[in-house]
Structure formats: C-alpha cells, structure tokens
Amino acid sequence: MFYSDAFKKFATFELMKNFIELNDIEILRMIASNFESFDNCDPSELLTILISHPDPYVRLNIAQNWSTPKKLLKTLRTDTDADVRIAAHRDS
C-alpha cells in the first residue's frame, strides 16, 4: 500500500500521523525511508515526529535518505546510536 503511487499521491499528513501512531516499526521505517514521496504531506512534519523515535533503525532510515535536510543530518550526527551517527556523516 505505501509503495502505491495512488497512496503516495493522496495520503494526508493526518493519515500518515495515524500510521505513525500505530508504532509498527516496519511502517515507521518505510515512512522514514520515503518521507519525501508523499505528495500531500510536509516532509518536515513527518520528520519532526520520526527523528525522535526510540527505534534506532527508524532514525537510521532518515539518516540514509538522500532527501533528509542537512540540518536534520547535523542533529543525527550526535545520535545515541553509532550507525545513525555514521550514516548522518555521509556528506561531511
């Protein structure tokens, strides 16, 4: 469903927030990997929620996404997880 072009085109922030609140790690990782793909969502709103998620793989997917703003990568460079910190240093 999340990879469907129709879903990406019509999913609203409220819908995505509902999925995030389910706290399903696989869904969270998919959203973190593709946050820029949802046409009706402000990526910064999704990232504001996801960047502080306790699961390091969610934050790692944000750090590995080439669309992640440099400001957020800078924040992730001080993450508690070493893999997240390493991934966030990719452009420095």
Protein backbone atom coordinates (compact mmCIF):
# COMPACT_ATOMS: atom_id res chain seq x y z
CA MET A 1 0.00 0.00 0.00
CA PHE A 2 2.71 2.54 0.98
CA TYR A 3 4.58 1.99 -2.26
CA SER A 4 1.49 2.59 -4.41
CA ASP A 5 1.63 5.76 -6.47
CA ALA A 6 -2.03 6.43 -5.67
CA PHE A 7 -1.38 6.18 -1.93
CA LYS A 8 1.65 8.47 -2.17
CA LYS A 9 -0.42 10.99 -4.11
CA PHE A 10 -3.40 11.13 -1.76
CA ALA A 11 -2.07 10.28 1.73
CA THR A 12 -2.54 13.27 4.01
CA PHE A 13 -0.42 14.20 6.99
CA GLU A 14 -3.26 13.16 9.31
CA LEU A 15 -3.39 9.72 7.70
CA MET A 16 0.37 9.33 7.92
CA LYS A 17 0.32 10.50 11.54
CA ASN A 18 -2.26 7.79 12.29
CA PHE A 19 0.07 5.19 10.77
CA ILE A 20 2.99 6.57 12.80
CA GLU A 21 0.94 6.35 15.98
CA LEU A 22 0.41 2.62 15.36
CA ASN A 23 4.13 2.36 16.21
CA ASP A 24 4.63 -0.51 13.76
CA ILE A 25 8.39 -0.49 13.24
CA GLU A 26 8.21 -1.71 9.63
CA ILE A 27 5.73 1.03 8.73
CA LEU A 28 7.85 3.64 10.52
CA ARG A 29 10.99 2.53 8.69
CA MET A 30 9.19 2.68 5.35
CA ILE A 31 7.90 6.19 6.07
CA ALA A 32 11.37 7.31 7.21
CA SER A 33 12.90 5.92 4.02
CA ASN A 34 10.36 7.60 1.76
CA PHE A 35 9.17 10.69 3.64
CA GLU A 36 9.64 12.91 0.59
CA SER A 37 7.39 10.72 -1.60
CA PHE A 38 4.04 11.64 -0.08
CA ASP A 39 2.61 14.49 -2.13
CA ASN A 40 0.12 15.76 0.46
CA CYS A 41 2.48 15.69 3.44
CA ASP A 42 5.01 18.23 4.51
CA PRO A 43 8.20 16.18 4.89
CA SER A 44 9.37 18.33 7.79
CA GLU A 45 6.22 17.46 9.74
CA LEU A 46 6.84 13.74 9.27
CA LEU A 47 10.50 14.11 10.20
CA THR A 48 9.70 16.12 13.31
CA ILE A 49 7.84 13.11 14.63
CA LEU A 50 10.17 10.39 13.37
CA ILE A 51 13.56 11.88 14.26
CA SER A 52 12.98 11.33 17.97
CA HIS A 53 11.63 7.81 17.65
CA PRO A 54 13.31 5.41 20.11
CA ASP A 55 13.98 2.74 17.47
CA PRO A 56 17.44 3.43 16.02
CA TYR A 57 16.54 1.87 12.67
CA VAL A 58 13.83 4.47 12.13
CA ARG A 59 16.42 7.21 12.70
CA LEU A 60 18.95 5.29 10.57
CA ASN A 61 16.50 5.25 7.66
CA ILE A 62 16.16 9.02 8.00
CA ALA A 63 19.96 9.43 8.03
CA GLN A 64 20.31 7.21 4.95
CA ASN A 65 17.65 9.04 2.96
CA TRP A 66 19.33 11.39 0.47
CA SER A 67 16.42 13.82 0.81
CA THR A 68 16.99 14.41 4.51
CA PRO A 69 17.77 18.09 5.09
CA LYS A 70 21.33 18.84 6.20
CA LYS A 71 20.02 20.48 9.37
CA LEU A 72 18.49 17.17 10.47
CA LEU A 73 21.59 15.24 9.46
CA LYS A 74 23.55 17.55 11.74
CA THR A 75 21.20 16.62 14.60
CA LEU A 76 21.56 12.92 13.81
CA ARG A 77 25.37 13.21 13.96
CA THR A 78 25.01 13.30 17.75
CA ASP A 79 22.55 10.40 17.94
CA THR A 80 22.96 7.80 20.68
CA ASP A 81 23.30 5.05 18.05
CA ALA A 82 26.67 4.73 16.31
CA ASP A 83 25.20 3.53 12.99
CA VAL A 84 22.90 6.56 12.86
CA ARG A 85 25.83 8.89 13.59
CA ILE A 86 27.95 7.28 10.85
CA ALA A 87 25.14 7.48 8.28
CA ALA A 88 24.47 11.11 9.17
CA HIS A 89 28.11 12.00 8.40
CA ARG A 90 27.79 10.88 4.77
CA ASP A 91 28.05 14.40 3.38
CA SER A 92 30.74 15.81 5.60
